[in-house]
């Protein structure tokens, strides 16, 4: 746990000679706050869940089974597959879902290039994970293309170009091609980000069923693990579909409460002050920052950054509650 938290932490060093800089130079260093990343305990739970999902994909299938599944897909049959790991990670915007997932998965190699097996030449690019965005139009074709683009970025292929030429083909044809690609490159985990897009579209034209059906078939037919990432709005979709309830259990992220975790977060970012004088972390400032941000980490950092910018523009020596109120 400690090694993981240390690996994803980002606390860049403060620039030297701050006291001798002009207010304009101080403001130029404010973007440094955007590169801060403070590990929290729940992030290890996300890492553990995704790591086990990738591992489960490869522990439930062999190369022979994948060849058999690929052949059945080509023949238009439905292959038998062990139930893959599925789940969801939902949270308010700004709590750090996507950034945590990307930093977590960056600890794993996305692609493993195999060149030899049992002393014989064997070339295969195995893709451990893909991160794709749920299309706002809930289109199976668009999602399929997004998955192909993600594979292309990972291994340098041109599958997306080939699929684009099939745009006039039926959605089922695109879906079959994506399943074959997942089997060919042994994709371990697919993360569907911004899954709440599907809910917004479903409320308008009720096209959610084809997309969800495709995702369920993709995980079942290829035994590829899948996780849905988005805002709590998606919970409405998950609970309305019986077959999704057991597939979308997972972590639910909430804003920080005004307790020890919030104060620890503030203490980590508080040294990054670029005003001439460093303001002490008082109870009044902490409460003001919490009330303004609602305990959402991204908002906390943004308000802290803008408060300093306002203080520097007005010629103040340090940040104050009054300046924070205006930010």
Protein backbone atom coordinates (compact mmCIF):
# COMPACT_ATOMS: atom_id res chain seq x y z
CA UNK A 1 0.00 0.00 0.00
CA UNK A 2 2.73 2.45 0.98
CA UNK A 3 4.73 1.73 -2.18
CA UNK A 4 1.66 2.28 -4.33
CA UNK A 5 0.70 5.57 -2.69
CA UNK A 6 4.27 6.80 -3.04
CA UNK A 7 4.32 5.83 -6.73
CA UNK A 8 1.27 7.90 -7.66
CA UNK A 9 2.11 10.91 -5.47
CA UNK A 10 3.08 14.11 -7.31
CA UNK A 11 4.64 16.89 -5.21
CA UNK A 12 6.93 18.87 -7.51
CA UNK A 13 9.63 20.97 -5.84
CA UNK A 14 8.97 24.65 -5.31
CA UNK A 15 11.01 26.99 -7.52
CA UNK A 16 14.03 28.54 -5.85
CA UNK A 17 14.34 32.27 -5.29
CA UNK A 18 10.63 32.95 -4.89
CA UNK A 19 11.15 35.81 -2.47
CA UNK A 20 13.19 37.76 -5.04
CA UNK A 21 10.63 37.39 -7.83
CA UNK A 22 8.18 40.01 -9.06
CA UNK A 23 4.38 39.51 -8.71
CA UNK A 24 4.23 38.65 -12.44
CA UNK A 25 6.85 35.93 -11.98
CA UNK A 26 4.97 34.61 -8.96
CA UNK A 27 1.79 34.27 -11.03
CA UNK A 28 3.68 32.39 -13.73
CA UNK A 29 4.39 29.61 -11.22
CA UNK A 30 0.73 29.15 -10.18
CA UNK A 31 0.08 26.42 -12.84
CA UNK A 32 2.43 24.24 -10.76
CA UNK A 33 -0.57 23.62 -8.50
CA UNK A 34 -2.31 21.76 -11.33
CA UNK A 35 0.42 19.11 -11.28
CA UNK A 36 -0.15 18.25 -7.63
CA UNK A 37 -1.59 14.82 -6.90
CA UNK A 38 -2.25 13.84 -3.31
CA UNK A 39 -2.80 10.09 -2.72
CA UNK A 40 -5.80 9.06 -0.61
CA UNK A 41 -6.64 5.75 0.99
CA UNK A 42 -9.48 4.88 -1.41
CA UNK A 43 -7.04 5.00 -4.33
CA UNK A 44 -5.39 1.78 -3.18
CA UNK A 45 -8.80 0.08 -3.22
CA UNK A 46 -9.25 1.19 -6.85
CA UNK A 47 -5.79 -0.14 -7.72
CA UNK A 48 -6.52 -3.47 -6.05
CA UNK A 49 -9.87 -3.81 -7.82
CA UNK A 50 -8.49 -3.04 -11.30
CA UNK A 51 -5.40 -5.22 -10.79
CA UNK A 52 -7.57 -8.17 -9.82
CA UNK A 53 -9.81 -7.53 -12.84
CA UNK A 54 -6.83 -7.71 -15.22
CA UNK A 55 -5.50 -10.82 -13.47
CA UNK A 56 -8.87 -12.56 -13.60
CA UNK A 57 -9.08 -12.11 -17.37
CA UNK A 58 -5.88 -14.06 -17.94
CA UNK A 59 -6.53 -16.68 -15.26
CA UNK A 60 -9.82 -17.77 -16.86
CA UNK A 61 -8.74 -18.36 -20.47
CA UNK A 62 -6.01 -20.06 -22.47
CA UNK A 63 -4.68 -19.44 -25.97
CA UNK A 64 -6.55 -22.48 -27.30
CA UNK A 65 -9.81 -21.21 -25.84
CA UNK A 66 -9.27 -17.79 -27.44
CA UNK A 67 -8.67 -19.35 -30.85
CA UNK A 68 -11.87 -21.36 -30.44
CA UNK A 69 -13.82 -18.23 -29.44
CA UNK A 70 -12.42 -16.28 -32.40
CA UNK A 71 -13.43 -19.06 -34.79
CA UNK A 72 -16.96 -19.20 -33.41
CA UNK A 73 -17.28 -15.43 -33.82
CA UNK A 74 -16.20 -15.72 -37.47
CA UNK A 75 -18.81 -18.45 -37.94
CA UNK A 76 -21.52 -16.31 -36.39
CA UNK A 77 -21.88 -18.50 -33.31
CA UNK A 78 -21.91 -17.45 -29.67
CA UNK A 79 -18.83 -18.68 -27.81
CA UNK A 80 -18.91 -19.95 -24.26
CA UNK A 81 -16.87 -17.88 -21.83
CA UNK A 82 -16.25 -17.72 -18.12
CA UNK A 83 -17.90 -14.76 -16.41
CA UNK A 84 -15.38 -11.89 -16.50
CA UNK A 85 -14.77 -9.37 -13.73
CA UNK A 86 -16.99 -6.31 -14.06
CA UNK A 87 -17.76 -3.33 -11.87
CA UNK A 88 -18.06 0.43 -11.70
CA UNK A 89 -16.37 3.44 -10.12
CA UNK A 90 -18.73 6.38 -9.68
CA UNK A 91 -18.14 9.73 -8.04
CA UNK A 92 -18.84 13.42 -8.13
CA UNK A 93 -16.98 15.43 -10.80
CA UNK A 94 -13.66 16.60 -9.40
CA UNK A 95 -13.11 13.86 -6.81
CA UNK A 96 -10.34 12.33 -8.92
CA UNK A 97 -11.85 9.26 -10.60
CA UNK A 98 -10.19 9.46 -14.01
CA UNK A 99 -6.86 10.83 -12.76
CA UNK A 100 -6.64 8.07 -10.14
CA UNK A 101 -7.45 5.38 -12.68
CA UNK A 102 -4.91 6.68 -15.19
CA UNK A 103 -2.17 6.94 -12.57
CA UNK A 104 -3.07 3.50 -11.24
CA UNK A 105 -2.93 1.83 -14.64
CA UNK A 106 0.27 3.69 -15.55
CA UNK A 107 2.02 1.42 -13.04
CA UNK A 108 1.24 -1.51 -15.37
CA UNK A 109 2.64 -1.90 -18.88
CA UNK A 110 -0.22 -1.26 -21.29
CA UNK A 111 1.31 -3.54 -23.94
CA UNK A 112 3.45 -6.65 -23.58
CA UNK A 113 5.20 -7.61 -26.83
CA UNK A 114 5.75 -11.38 -27.00
CA UNK A 115 8.47 -12.53 -29.41
CA UNK A 116 9.25 -16.08 -28.33
CA UNK A 117 7.41 -19.02 -26.81
CA UNK A 118 9.10 -22.28 -25.77
CA UNK A 119 12.16 -21.49 -27.87
CA UNK A 120 10.23 -20.69 -31.04
CA UNK A 121 9.47 -17.32 -32.67
CA UNK A 122 6.09 -16.09 -31.53
CA UNK A 123 4.95 -12.50 -32.09
CA UNK A 124 1.94 -11.06 -30.34
CA UNK A 125 1.11 -7.71 -28.76
CA UNK A 126 -0.92 -8.27 -25.63
CA UNK A 127 -2.94 -5.23 -24.47
CA UNK A 128 -3.48 -5.22 -20.72
CA UNK A 129 -5.98 -2.36 -20.57
CA UNK A 130 -7.86 0.21 -22.64
CA UNK A 131 -9.56 3.45 -21.56
CA UNK A 132 -12.34 4.61 -23.88
CA UNK A 133 -15.05 7.23 -23.58
CA UNK A 134 -18.73 6.37 -23.79
CA UNK A 135 -20.15 8.10 -26.89
CA UNK A 136 -22.73 10.77 -26.20
CA UNK A 137 -25.02 9.32 -28.88
CA UNK A 138 -25.01 5.81 -27.33
CA UNK A 139 -24.00 4.42 -30.73
CA UNK A 140 -22.56 0.90 -30.85
CA UNK A 141 -20.61 1.88 -33.97
CA UNK A 142 -19.07 4.93 -32.30
CA UNK A 143 -18.09 2.98 -29.20
CA UNK A 144 -16.61 0.25 -31.39
CA UNK A 145 -14.57 2.86 -33.24
CA UNK A 146 -13.42 4.36 -29.92
CA UNK A 147 -12.17 0.94 -28.81
CA UNK A 148 -10.35 0.46 -32.12
CA UNK A 149 -8.71 3.90 -31.76
CA UNK A 150 -7.57 2.99 -28.24
CA UNK A 151 -6.01 -0.24 -29.55
CA UNK A 152 -4.31 1.69 -32.36
CA UNK A 153 -2.80 4.15 -29.88
CA UNK A 154 -1.54 1.31 -27.74
CA UNK A 155 0.11 -0.86 -30.41
CA UNK A 156 0.44 1.44 -33.43
CA UNK A 157 -2.05 -0.42 -35.64
CA UNK A 158 -4.63 0.96 -38.09
CA UNK A 159 -7.78 -0.91 -37.11
CA UNK A 160 -9.81 2.30 -36.77
CA UNK A 161 -9.17 3.14 -40.42
CA UNK A 162 -10.39 -0.30 -41.46
CA UNK A 163 -13.52 0.02 -39.32
CA UNK A 164 -14.28 3.47 -40.70
CA UNK A 165 -14.65 1.88 -44.12
CA UNK A 166 -17.33 -0.34 -42.56
CA UNK A 167 -19.40 2.60 -41.29
CA UNK A 168 -22.22 1.60 -43.62
CA UNK A 169 -22.16 -1.93 -42.20
CA UNK A 170 -24.61 -3.08 -39.54
CA UNK A 171 -23.78 -2.40 -35.90
CA UNK A 172 -23.59 -6.15 -35.31
CA UNK A 173 -20.77 -6.40 -37.87
CA UNK A 174 -18.77 -3.69 -36.09
CA UNK A 175 -19.45 -5.37 -32.75
CA UNK A 176 -18.15 -8.71 -34.04
CA UNK A 177 -14.97 -7.08 -35.37
CA UNK A 178 -14.30 -5.47 -31.97
CA UNK A 179 -14.78 -8.80 -30.21
CA UNK A 180 -12.24 -10.39 -32.56
CA UNK A 181 -9.76 -7.57 -31.91
CA UNK A 182 -10.12 -8.02 -28.15
CA UNK A 183 -9.40 -11.72 -28.52
CA UNK A 184 -6.56 -11.21 -31.01
CA UNK A 185 -4.72 -8.83 -28.69
CA UNK A 186 -5.83 -10.51 -25.46
CA UNK A 187 -7.26 -7.30 -23.98
CA UNK A 188 -7.36 -7.69 -20.22
CA UNK A 189 -9.52 -4.76 -19.14
CA UNK A 190 -11.69 -2.11 -20.81
CA UNK A 191 -12.66 1.00 -18.86
CA UNK A 192 -15.68 2.87 -20.21
CA UNK A 193 -15.33 6.47 -18.99
CA UNK A 194 -18.12 9.07 -18.85
CA UNK A 195 -20.75 6.31 -18.71
CA UNK A 196 -23.29 8.94 -17.57
CA UNK A 197 -23.45 10.00 -21.23
CA UNK A 198 -25.52 6.89 -21.81
CA UNK A 199 -28.07 8.00 -19.23
CA UNK A 200 -28.57 11.43 -20.82
CA UNK A 201 -29.14 9.86 -24.22
CA UNK A 202 -31.43 7.17 -22.82
CA UNK A 203 -33.72 9.81 -21.39
CA UNK A 204 -34.02 11.44 -24.82
CA UNK A 205 -34.43 8.58 -27.29
CA UNK A 206 -34.28 5.35 -25.27
CA UNK A 207 -31.31 3.96 -27.22
CA UNK A 208 -29.46 2.66 -24.20
CA UNK A 209 -30.31 -1.02 -24.67
CA UNK A 210 -28.22 -1.65 -27.83
CA UNK A 211 -25.12 -0.10 -26.25
CA UNK A 212 -25.44 -1.94 -22.96
CA UNK A 213 -26.23 -5.18 -24.77
CA UNK A 214 -23.05 -4.75 -26.82
CA UNK A 215 -20.93 -4.17 -23.71
CA UNK A 216 -22.41 -7.20 -21.94
CA UNK A 217 -21.87 -9.39 -25.02
CA UNK A 218 -18.32 -8.06 -25.41
CA UNK A 219 -17.34 -9.02 -21.88
CA UNK A 220 -19.12 -12.38 -22.04
CA UNK A 221 -17.92 -13.45 -25.50
CA UNK A 222 -14.29 -12.38 -25.03
CA UNK A 223 -13.99 -12.85 -21.25
CA UNK A 224 -12.51 -9.34 -21.10
CA UNK A 225 -13.05 -7.55 -17.80
CA UNK A 226 -14.89 -4.22 -17.98
CA UNK A 227 -15.39 -1.33 -15.59
CA UNK A 228 -17.72 1.65 -15.94
CA UNK A 229 -16.52 5.05 -14.75
CA UNK A 230 -18.70 8.12 -14.36
CA UNK A 231 -20.82 10.32 -12.13
CA UNK A 232 -23.56 9.11 -9.73
CA UNK A 233 -26.12 9.82 -12.45
CA UNK A 234 -25.17 6.44 -13.93
CA UNK A 235 -26.50 4.69 -10.81
CA UNK A 236 -29.98 5.32 -12.19
CA UNK A 237 -29.10 3.28 -15.28
CA UNK A 238 -27.44 0.48 -13.33
CA UNK A 239 -30.32 -0.03 -10.92
CA UNK A 240 -32.95 0.08 -13.68
CA UNK A 241 -31.46 -2.92 -15.51
CA UNK A 242 -31.58 -6.21 -13.60
CA UNK A 243 -28.69 -7.75 -15.52
CA UNK A 244 -26.52 -4.70 -14.71
CA UNK A 245 -26.96 -4.66 -10.94
CA UNK A 246 -24.47 -7.46 -10.27
CA UNK A 247 -22.13 -6.27 -13.01
CA UNK A 248 -21.82 -2.70 -11.77
CA UNK A 249 -21.09 -3.08 -8.09
CA UNK A 250 -18.05 -1.14 -7.03
CA UNK A 251 -16.55 1.93 -5.40
CA UNK A 252 -18.58 5.09 -4.86
CA UNK A 253 -16.50 8.23 -4.25
CA UNK A 254 -17.82 11.15 -2.22
CA UNK A 255 -16.39 14.61 -1.49
CA UNK A 256 -14.04 14.93 1.48
CA UNK A 257 -15.64 15.46 4.86
CA UNK A 258 -14.33 18.25 7.10
CA UNK A 259 -12.27 15.80 9.13
CA UNK A 260 -8.70 14.54 9.30
CA UNK A 261 -8.57 13.55 5.61
CA UNK A 262 -9.51 17.07 4.55
CA UNK A 263 -6.92 18.63 6.84
CA UNK A 264 -4.25 16.20 5.63
CA UNK A 265 -5.07 17.19 2.04
CA UNK A 266 -4.76 20.89 2.92
CA UNK A 267 -1.46 20.35 4.69
CA UNK A 268 -0.08 18.71 1.54
CA UNK A 269 -0.98 21.59 -0.77
CA UNK A 270 -0.51 24.48 1.68
CA UNK A 271 3.28 24.87 1.14
CA UNK A 272 2.56 25.72 -2.52
CA UNK A 273 1.98 29.42 -1.91
CA UNK A 274 3.48 31.88 -4.38
CA UNK A 275 2.59 35.08 -2.56
CA UNK A 276 5.40 37.11 -0.93
CA UNK A 277 4.34 35.88 2.52
CA UNK A 278 3.12 32.39 3.35
CA UNK A 279 -0.22 32.44 5.17
CA UNK A 280 -0.55 29.96 8.07
CA UNK A 281 -3.20 27.27 7.80
CA UNK A 282 -5.76 28.57 10.27
CA UNK A 283 -9.10 27.05 11.20
CA UNK A 284 -10.87 30.03 9.64
CA UNK A 285 -9.12 29.63 6.27
CA UNK A 286 -9.67 25.85 6.30
CA UNK A 287 -13.39 26.24 6.98
CA UNK A 288 -13.69 28.93 4.33
CA UNK A 289 -11.99 26.74 1.75
CA UNK A 290 -14.20 23.78 2.63
CA UNK A 291 -17.40 25.84 2.38
CA UNK A 292 -16.32 27.22 -1.00
CA UNK A 293 -15.28 23.86 -2.47
CA UNK A 294 -17.77 21.46 -0.90
CA UNK A 295 -14.85 19.16 -0.09
CA UNK A 296 -14.17 18.29 -3.76
CA UNK A 297 -10.37 18.01 -4.21
CA UNK A 298 -10.24 19.55 -7.71
CA UNK A 299 -12.26 22.55 -6.52
CA UNK A 300 -10.06 22.93 -3.42
CA UNK A 301 -6.91 23.19 -5.55
CA UNK A 302 -8.57 25.52 -8.06
CA UNK A 303 -9.87 27.90 -5.39
CA UNK A 304 -6.47 27.83 -3.63
CA UNK A 305 -4.83 28.71 -6.95
CA UNK A 306 -7.26 31.50 -7.87
CA UNK A 307 -7.07 32.98 -4.38
CA UNK A 308 -3.32 33.40 -4.79
CA UNK A 309 -3.78 34.88 -8.26
CA UNK A 310 -6.21 37.48 -6.89
CA UNK A 311 -3.89 38.30 -3.99
CA UNK A 312 -0.95 38.86 -6.35
CA UNK A 313 -3.02 41.00 -8.72
CA UNK A 314 -4.17 43.20 -5.85
CA UNK A 315 -0.67 43.52 -4.39
CA UNK A 316 -1.48 41.62 -1.16
CA UNK A 317 1.36 39.93 0.70
CA UNK A 318 -0.59 36.73 1.42
CA UNK A 319 -3.95 35.06 0.93
CA UNK A 320 -6.85 35.89 3.24
CA UNK A 321 -10.41 34.69 3.77
CA UNK A 322 -11.63 37.88 2.12
CA UNK A 323 -9.57 37.20 -1.01
CA UNK A 324 -10.80 33.61 -1.02
CA UNK A 325 -14.39 34.84 -0.90
CA UNK A 326 -13.83 36.89 -4.09
CA UNK A 327 -12.23 33.90 -5.86
